[in-house]
PDB file of N, CA and C in Angstrom:
ATOM      1  N   GLY A   1      -1.042  -5.823 -13.662  1.00  0.00           N
ATOM      2  CA  GLY A   1      -0.862  -4.608 -12.978  1.00  0.00           C
ATOM      3  C   GLY A   1       0.408  -4.970 -11.920  1.00  0.00           C
ATOM      4  N   THR A   2       1.132  -4.044 -11.384  1.00  0.00           N
ATOM      5  CA  THR A   2       1.952  -4.057 -10.356  1.00  0.00           C
ATOM      6  C   THR A   2       1.488  -4.310  -8.858  1.00  0.00           C
ATOM      7  N   ILE A   3       2.306  -4.842  -8.005  1.00  0.00           N
ATOM      8  CA  ILE A   3       1.616  -4.815  -6.603  1.00  0.00           C
ATOM      9  C   ILE A   3       2.603  -3.646  -6.031  1.00  0.00           C
ATOM     10  N   PRO A   4       1.995  -2.773  -5.384  1.00  0.00           N
ATOM     11  CA  PRO A   4       2.756  -1.671  -4.730  1.00  0.00           C
ATOM     12  C   PRO A   4       3.142  -2.147  -3.548  1.00  0.00           C
ATOM     13  N   PHE A   5       4.655  -1.467  -3.390  1.00  0.00           N
ATOM     14  CA  PHE A   5       5.085  -1.924  -1.903  1.00  0.00           C
ATOM     15  C   PHE A   5       4.806  -0.971  -0.799  1.00  0.00           C
ATOM     16  N   LEU A   6       4.630  -1.403   0.329  1.00  0.00           N
ATOM     17  CA  LEU A   6       3.931  -0.444   1.466  1.00  0.00           C
ATOM     18  C   LEU A   6       4.853   0.711   1.391  1.00  0.00           C
ATOM     19  N   GLY A   7       6.422   0.715   1.454  1.00  0.00           N
ATOM     20  CA  GLY A   7       7.142   1.751   1.601  1.00  0.00           C
ATOM     21  C   GLY A   7       6.686   2.937   0.553  1.00  0.00           C
ATOM     22  N   THR A   8       6.018   2.677  -0.594  1.00  0.00           N
ATOM     23  CA  THR A   8       5.592   3.487  -1.644  1.00  0.00           C
ATOM     24  C   THR A   8       4.511   4.483  -0.853  1.00  0.00           C
ATOM     25  N   PHE A   9       3.717   3.775  -0.200  1.00  0.00           N
ATOM     26  CA  PHE A   9       2.509   4.535   0.130  1.00  0.00           C
ATOM     27  C   PHE A   9       3.190   5.348   1.596  1.00  0.00           C
ATOM     28  N   LEU A  10       4.041   4.780   2.266  1.00  0.00           N
ATOM     29  CA  LEU A  10       4.612   5.390   3.444  1.00  0.00           C
ATOM     30  C   LEU A  10       5.316   6.567   2.886  1.00  0.00           C
ATOM     31  N   ARG A  11       5.963   6.462   1.800  1.00  0.00           N
ATOM     32  CA  ARG A  11       6.763   7.788   1.268  1.00  0.00           C
ATOM     33  C   ARG A  11       5.773   8.640   0.969  1.00  0.00           C
ATOM     34  N   ASP A  12       4.663   8.177   0.159  1.00  0.00           N
ATOM     35  CA  ASP A  12       3.676   9.093  -0.370  1.00  0.00           C
ATOM     36  C   ASP A  12       3.018   9.961   1.042  1.00  0.00           C
ATOM     37  N   LEU A  13       2.874   9.382   2.117  1.00  0.00           N
ATOM     38  CA  LEU A  13       2.231   9.877   3.372  1.00  0.00           C
ATOM     39  C   LEU A  13       3.060  10.759   3.971  1.00  0.00           C
ATOM     40  N   GLU A  14       4.549  10.268   3.973  1.00  0.00           N
ATOM     41  CA  GLU A  14       5.428  11.390   4.324  1.00  0.00           C
ATOM     42  C   GLU A  14       5.733  12.697   3.609  1.00  0.00           C
ATOM     43  N   TYR A  15       5.543  12.631   2.248  1.00  0.00           N
ATOM     44  CA  TYR A  15       5.587  13.580   1.231  1.00  0.00           C
ATOM     45  C   TYR A  15       4.302  14.669   1.370  1.00  0.00           C
ATOM     46  N   ILE A  16       3.418  13.866   1.858  1.00  0.00           N
ATOM     47  CA  ILE A  16       2.035  14.913   2.093  1.00  0.00           C
ATOM     48  C   ILE A  16       2.340  15.621   3.297  1.00  0.00           C
ATOM     49  N   HIS A  17       2.757  15.030   4.366  1.00  0.00           N
ATOM     50  CA  HIS A  17       2.731  15.557   5.514  1.00  0.00           C
ATOM     51  C   HIS A  17       4.056  16.611   5.527  1.00  0.00           C
ATOM     52  N   ALA A  18       4.961  16.378   4.870  1.00  0.00           N
ATOM     53  CA  ALA A  18       6.241  17.398   4.734  1.00  0.00           C
ATOM     54  C   ALA A  18       5.915  18.617   3.980  1.00  0.00           C
ATOM     55  N   GLN A  19       5.023  18.346   2.842  1.00  0.00           N
ATOM     56  CA  GLN A  19       4.690  19.515   1.979  1.00  0.00           C
ATOM     57  C   GLN A  19       3.689  20.231   2.332  1.00  0.00           C
ATOM     58  N   ASN A  20       2.773  19.780   3.381  1.00  0.00           N
ATOM     59  CA  ASN A  20       1.470  20.528   3.491  1.00  0.00           C
ATOM     60  C   ASN A  20       1.182  20.828   4.973  1.00  0.00           C
ATOM     61  N   PRO A  21       1.278  22.302   5.490  1.00  0.00           N
ATOM     62  CA  PRO A  21       0.944  22.391   6.967  1.00  0.00           C
ATOM     63  C   PRO A  21      -0.107  21.694   7.687  1.00  0.00           C
ATOM     64  N   THR A  22       0.114  21.157   8.632  1.00  0.00           N
ATOM     65  CA  THR A  22      -0.906  20.330   9.487  1.00  0.00           C
ATOM     66  C   THR A  22      -2.120  21.440   9.677  1.00  0.00           C
ATOM     67  N   LYS A  23      -1.738  22.659   9.980  1.00  0.00           N
ATOM     68  CA  LYS A  23      -3.099  23.638  10.078  1.00  0.00           C
ATOM     69  C   LYS A  23      -2.767  24.688   9.350  1.00  0.00           C
ATOM     70  N   ASN A  24      -4.074  25.642   9.122  1.00  0.00           N
ATOM     71  CA  ASN A  24      -3.809  26.709   8.188  1.00  0.00           C
ATOM     72  C   ASN A  24      -3.400  28.069   9.195  1.00  0.00           C
ATOM     73  N   GLU A  25      -3.610  29.123   8.363  1.00  0.00           N
ATOM     74  CA  GLU A  25      -3.194  30.278   9.064  1.00  0.00           C
ATOM     75  C   GLU A  25      -4.142  30.875  10.164  1.00  0.00           C
ATOM     76  N   LYS A  26      -5.379  30.298  10.191  1.00  0.00           N
ATOM     77  CA  LYS A  26      -6.070  30.384  11.349  1.00  0.00           C
ATOM     78  C   LYS A  26      -6.203  29.599  12.411  1.00  0.00           C
ATOM     79  N   GLY A  27      -5.017  28.501  12.292  1.00  0.00           N
ATOM     80  CA  GLY A  27      -4.883  27.599  13.297  1.00  0.00           C
ATOM     81  C   GLY A  27      -6.127  26.313  13.272  1.00  0.00           C
ATOM     82  N   GLN A  28      -6.670  26.250  11.908  1.00  0.00           N
ATOM     83  CA  GLN A  28      -7.658  24.992  11.581  1.00  0.00           C
ATOM     84  C   GLN A  28      -7.051  23.972  11.055  1.00  0.00           C
ATOM     85  N   ILE A  29      -7.647  22.792  11.098  1.00  0.00           N
ATOM     86  CA  ILE A  29      -6.973  21.517  10.448  1.00  0.00           C
ATOM     87  C   ILE A  29      -7.029  21.875   9.256  1.00  0.00           C
ATOM     88  N   ASN A  30      -5.912  21.310   8.520  1.00  0.00           N
ATOM     89  CA  ASN A  30      -5.732  21.434   7.025  1.00  0.00           C
ATOM     90  C   ASN A  30      -6.392  20.285   6.508  1.00  0.00           C
ATOM     91  N   VAL A  31      -7.630  20.672   5.838  1.00  0.00           N
ATOM     92  CA  VAL A  31      -8.805  19.571   5.335  1.00  0.00           C
ATOM     93  C   VAL A  31      -8.086  19.039   4.142  1.00  0.00           C
ATOM     94  N   LEU A  32      -7.331  19.789   3.341  1.00  0.00           N
ATOM     95  CA  LEU A  32      -6.867  19.421   2.059  1.00  0.00           C
ATOM     96  C   LEU A  32      -5.633  18.112   2.229  1.00  0.00           C
ATOM     97  N   GLN A  33      -4.768  18.429   3.402  1.00  0.00           N
ATOM     98  CA  GLN A  33      -3.875  17.360   3.765  1.00  0.00           C
ATOM     99  C   GLN A  33      -4.211  16.073   4.222  1.00  0.00           C
ATOM    100  N   LYS A  34      -5.697  16.298   5.056  1.00  0.00           N
ATOM    101  CA  LYS A  34      -6.134  15.099   5.561  1.00  0.00           C
ATOM    102  C   LYS A  34      -6.857  14.500   4.444  1.00  0.00           C
ATOM    103  N   ARG A  35      -7.302  15.020   3.433  1.00  0.00           N
ATOM    104  CA  ARG A  35      -8.077  14.405   2.510  1.00  0.00           C
ATOM    105  C   ARG A  35      -6.977  13.622   1.519  1.00  0.00           C
ATOM    106  N   LYS A  36      -5.734  14.267   1.255  1.00  0.00           N
ATOM    107  CA  LYS A  36      -4.903  13.392   0.684  1.00  0.00           C
ATOM    108  C   LYS A  36      -4.355  12.390   1.388  1.00  0.00           C
ATOM    109  N   GLU A  37      -4.231  12.443   2.509  1.00  0.00           N
ATOM    110  CA  GLU A  37      -3.824  11.328   3.532  1.00  0.00           C
ATOM    111  C   GLU A  37      -4.763  10.289   3.498  1.00  0.00           C
ATOM    112  N   PHE A  38      -6.103  10.416   3.525  1.00  0.00           N
ATOM    113  CA  PHE A  38      -7.186   9.623   3.484  1.00  0.00           C
ATOM    114  C   PHE A  38      -7.345   8.831   2.220  1.00  0.00           C
ATOM    115  N   GLU A  39      -6.863   9.292   1.061  1.00  0.00           N
ATOM    116  CA  GLU A  39      -6.860   8.739  -0.075  1.00  0.00           C
ATOM    117  C   GLU A  39      -5.808   7.661  -0.226  1.00  0.00           C
ATOM    118  N   VAL A  40      -4.674   8.019   0.256  1.00  0.00           N
ATOM    119  CA  VAL A  40      -3.665   6.918   0.294  1.00  0.00           C
ATOM    120  C   VAL A  40      -3.897   5.882   1.221  1.00  0.00           C
ATOM    121  N   ILE A  41      -4.439   6.199   2.456  1.00  0.00           N
ATOM    122  CA  ILE A  41      -4.870   4.966   3.397  1.00  0.00           C
ATOM    123  C   ILE A  41      -5.931   4.235   2.753  1.00  0.00           C
ATOM    124  N   ALA A  42      -6.994   4.973   2.115  1.00  0.00           N
ATOM    125  CA  ALA A  42      -7.931   4.056   1.396  1.00  0.00           C
ATOM    126  C   ALA A  42      -7.378   3.264   0.470  1.00  0.00           C
ATOM    127  N   GLN A  43      -6.472   3.522  -0.385  1.00  0.00           N
ATOM    128  CA  GLN A  43      -5.884   2.788  -1.262  1.00  0.00           C
ATOM    129  C   GLN A  43      -5.041   1.383  -0.452  1.00  0.00           C
ATOM    130  N   ILE A  44      -4.653   1.697   0.629  1.00  0.00           N
ATOM    131  CA  ILE A  44      -3.910   0.713   1.195  1.00  0.00           C
ATOM    132  C   ILE A  44      -5.129  -0.382   1.586  1.00  0.00           C
ATOM    133  N   LYS A  45      -6.248   0.221   2.404  1.00  0.00           N
ATOM    134  CA  LYS A  45      -7.306  -0.742   2.598  1.00  0.00           C
ATOM    135  C   LYS A  45      -7.743  -1.274   1.564  1.00  0.00           C
ATOM    136  N   LEU A  46      -7.923  -0.728   0.273  1.00  0.00           N
ATOM    137  CA  LEU A  46      -8.596  -1.597  -0.960  1.00  0.00           C
ATOM    138  C   LEU A  46      -7.632  -2.820  -1.114  1.00  0.00           C
ATOM    139  N   LEU A  47      -6.322  -2.674  -1.179  1.00  0.00           N
ATOM    140  CA  LEU A  47      -5.369  -3.651  -1.377  1.00  0.00           C
ATOM    141  C   LEU A  47      -5.488  -4.859  -0.586  1.00  0.00           C
ATOM    142  N   GLN A  48      -5.544  -4.320   0.933  1.00  0.00           N
ATOM    143  CA  GLN A  48      -5.582  -5.488   1.859  1.00  0.00           C
ATOM    144  C   GLN A  48      -7.111  -6.212   1.727  1.00  0.00           C
ATOM    145  N   GLN A  49      -7.866  -5.708   1.279  1.00  0.00           N
ATOM    146  CA  GLN A  49      -9.418  -6.331   0.972  1.00  0.00           C
ATOM    147  C   GLN A  49      -9.196  -7.304  -0.179  1.00  0.00           C
ATOM    148  N   ALA A  50      -8.594  -6.520  -1.307  1.00  0.00           N
ATOM    149  CA  ALA A  50      -8.478  -7.607  -2.462  1.00  0.00           C
ATOM    150  C   ALA A  50      -7.426  -8.919  -1.972  1.00  0.00           C
ATOM    151  N   ALA A  51      -6.404  -8.678  -1.220  1.00  0.00           N
ATOM    152  CA  ALA A  51      -5.493  -9.633  -0.755  1.00  0.00           C
ATOM    153  C   ALA A  51      -6.326 -10.909   0.033  1.00  0.00           C
ATOM    154  N   GLN A  52      -7.409 -10.583   0.447  1.00  0.00           N
ATOM    155  CA  GLN A  52      -8.186 -11.548   1.274  1.00  0.00           C
ATOM    156  C   GLN A  52      -8.672 -12.619   0.071  1.00  0.00           C
ATOM    157  N   LEU A  53      -8.785 -12.208  -0.907  1.00  0.00           N
ATOM    158  CA  LEU A  53      -9.434 -13.082  -2.099  1.00  0.00           C
ATOM    159  C   LEU A  53      -8.523 -13.981  -2.580  1.00  0.00           C
ATOM    160  N   TYR A  54      -7.197 -14.025  -2.285  1.00  0.00           N
ATOM    161  CA  TYR A  54      -6.223 -14.899  -2.528  1.00  0.00           C
ATOM    162  C   TYR A  54      -5.927 -16.192  -1.895  1.00  0.00           C
ATOM    163  N   ARG A  55      -5.814 -17.319  -2.396  1.00  0.00           N
ATOM    164  CA  ARG A  55      -5.913 -18.365  -1.487  1.00  0.00           C
ATOM    165  C   ARG A  55      -4.371 -18.994  -2.248  1.00  0.00           C
ATOM    166  N   ILE A  56      -3.284 -19.053  -1.488  1.00  0.00           N
ATOM    167  CA  ILE A  56      -2.183 -19.695  -1.735  1.00  0.00           C
ATOM    168  C   ILE A  56      -1.901 -21.021  -1.238  1.00  0.00           C
ATOM    169  N   ARG A  57      -1.744 -21.815  -1.927  1.00  0.00           N
ATOM    170  CA  ARG A  57      -1.457 -23.392  -1.522  1.00  0.00           C
ATOM    171  C   ARG A  57      -0.095 -23.502  -1.049  1.00  0.00           C
ATOM    172  N   GLU A  58       0.252 -24.171  -0.033  1.00  0.00           N
ATOM    173  CA  GLU A  58       1.663 -24.351   0.232  1.00  0.00           C
ATOM    174  C   GLU A  58       2.309 -25.270  -0.629  1.00  0.00           C
ATOM    175  N   ASP A  59       3.553 -24.901  -1.146  1.00  0.00           N
ATOM    176  CA  ASP A  59       4.286 -25.880  -1.755  1.00  0.00           C
ATOM    177  C   ASP A  59       5.496 -26.538  -1.070  1.00  0.00           C
ATOM    178  N   PRO A  60       5.233 -27.744  -0.715  1.00  0.00           N
ATOM    179  CA  PRO A  60       6.231 -28.495   0.251  1.00  0.00           C
ATOM    180  C   PRO A  60       7.810 -28.384  -0.538  1.00  0.00           C
ATOM    181  N   LYS A  61       7.712 -28.304  -1.791  1.00  0.00           N
ATOM    182  CA  LYS A  61       9.147 -28.289  -2.468  1.00  0.00           C
ATOM    183  C   LYS A  61       9.805 -26.866  -2.075  1.00  0.00           C
ATOM    184  N   PHE A  62       9.007 -26.007  -2.313  1.00  0.00           N
ATOM    185  CA  PHE A  62       9.388 -24.371  -2.190  1.00  0.00           C
ATOM    186  C   PHE A  62       9.833 -24.415  -0.511  1.00  0.00           C
ATOM    187  N   ARG A  63       8.996 -24.893   0.390  1.00  0.00           N
ATOM    188  CA  ARG A  63       9.471 -24.545   1.856  1.00  0.00           C
ATOM    189  C   ARG A  63      10.675 -25.387   1.892  1.00  0.00           C
ATOM    190  N   LEU A  64      10.656 -26.520   1.419  1.00  0.00           N
ATOM    191  CA  LEU A  64      12.075 -27.287   1.633  1.00  0.00           C
ATOM    192  C   LEU A  64      13.341 -26.423   1.079  1.00  0.00           C
ATOM    193  N   TRP A  65      13.226 -25.902   0.011  1.00  0.00           N
ATOM    194  CA  TRP A  65      14.165 -25.245  -0.489  1.00  0.00           C
ATOM    195  C   TRP A  65      14.580 -23.736   0.286  1.00  0.00           C
ATOM    196  N   PHE A  66      13.202 -23.262   0.670  1.00  0.00           N
ATOM    197  CA  PHE A  66      13.595 -21.824   1.449  1.00  0.00           C
ATOM    198  C   PHE A  66      14.271 -22.343   2.822  1.00  0.00           C
ATOM    199  N   TYR A  67      13.829 -23.192   3.395  1.00  0.00           N
ATOM    200  CA  TYR A  67      14.227 -23.417   4.807  1.00  0.00           C
ATOM    201  C   TYR A  67      16.052 -24.091   4.486  1.00  0.00           C
ATOM    202  N   ASN A  68      16.170 -24.412   3.658  1.00  0.00           N
ATOM    203  CA  ASN A  68      17.674 -25.058   3.278  1.00  0.00           C
ATOM    204  C   ASN A  68      18.559 -23.776   2.694  1.00  0.00           C
ATOM    205  N   GLN A  69      18.230 -22.599   2.583  1.00  0.00           N
ATOM    206  CA  GLN A  69      19.149 -21.610   2.115  1.00  0.00           C
ATOM    207  C   GLN A  69      19.918 -21.235   3.197  1.00  0.00           C
ATOM    208  N   PRO A  70      21.208 -20.957   2.773  1.00  0.00           N
ATOM    209  CA  PRO A  70      22.197 -20.488   3.863  1.00  0.00           C
ATOM    210  C   PRO A  70      21.793 -19.032   4.298  1.00  0.00           C
ATOM    211  N   ILE A  71      22.278 -19.092   5.625  1.00  0.00           N
ATOM    212  CA  ILE A  71      22.278 -17.436   6.152  1.00  0.00           C
ATOM    213  C   ILE A  71      23.164 -16.871   6.406  1.00  0.00           C
ATOM    214  N   TYR A  72      23.476 -15.695   5.837  1.00  0.00           N
ATOM    215  CA  TYR A  72      24.863 -14.897   5.849  1.00  0.00           C
ATOM    216  C   TYR A  72      24.590 -13.831   6.908  1.00  0.00           C
ATOM    217  N   ASN A  73      25.975 -13.405   7.402  1.00  0.00           N
ATOM    218  CA  ASN A  73      25.778 -12.447   8.239  1.00  0.00           C
ATOM    219  C   ASN A  73      26.091 -11.268   7.204  1.00  0.00           C
ATOM    220  N   GLU A  74      26.481 -10.151   8.184  1.00  0.00           N
ATOM    221  CA  GLU A  74      26.750  -8.746   7.205  1.00  0.00           C
ATOM    222  C   GLU A  74      28.275  -8.832   6.723  1.00  0.00           C
ATOM    223  N   ASP A  75      29.154  -9.598   7.476  1.00  0.00           N
ATOM    224  CA  ASP A  75      30.561  -9.803   7.095  1.00  0.00           C
ATOM    225  C   ASP A  75      30.667 -10.627   5.786  1.00  0.00           C
ATOM    226  N   GLN A  76      29.835 -11.605   5.561  1.00  0.00           N
ATOM    227  CA  GLN A  76      29.706 -12.443   4.476  1.00  0.00           C
ATOM    228  C   GLN A  76      29.335 -11.652   3.086  1.00  0.00           C
TER     229      GLN A  76
END
């Protein structure tokens, strides 16, 4: 499967917030909106828990390569 980018979840939360009123016509909390927000946050939490299962060993060759990459400024 693909690994979702956090920005995707944040976009979804923003969309839910923008498309659904926070309160209904009686001034009560919009439970449907909160449920949708909860579902997105629950997905993030599940992915965070799953990530704890991964044990990535350090690769000295990658570290050496990574830290020797040139750093460019915006003009370059």
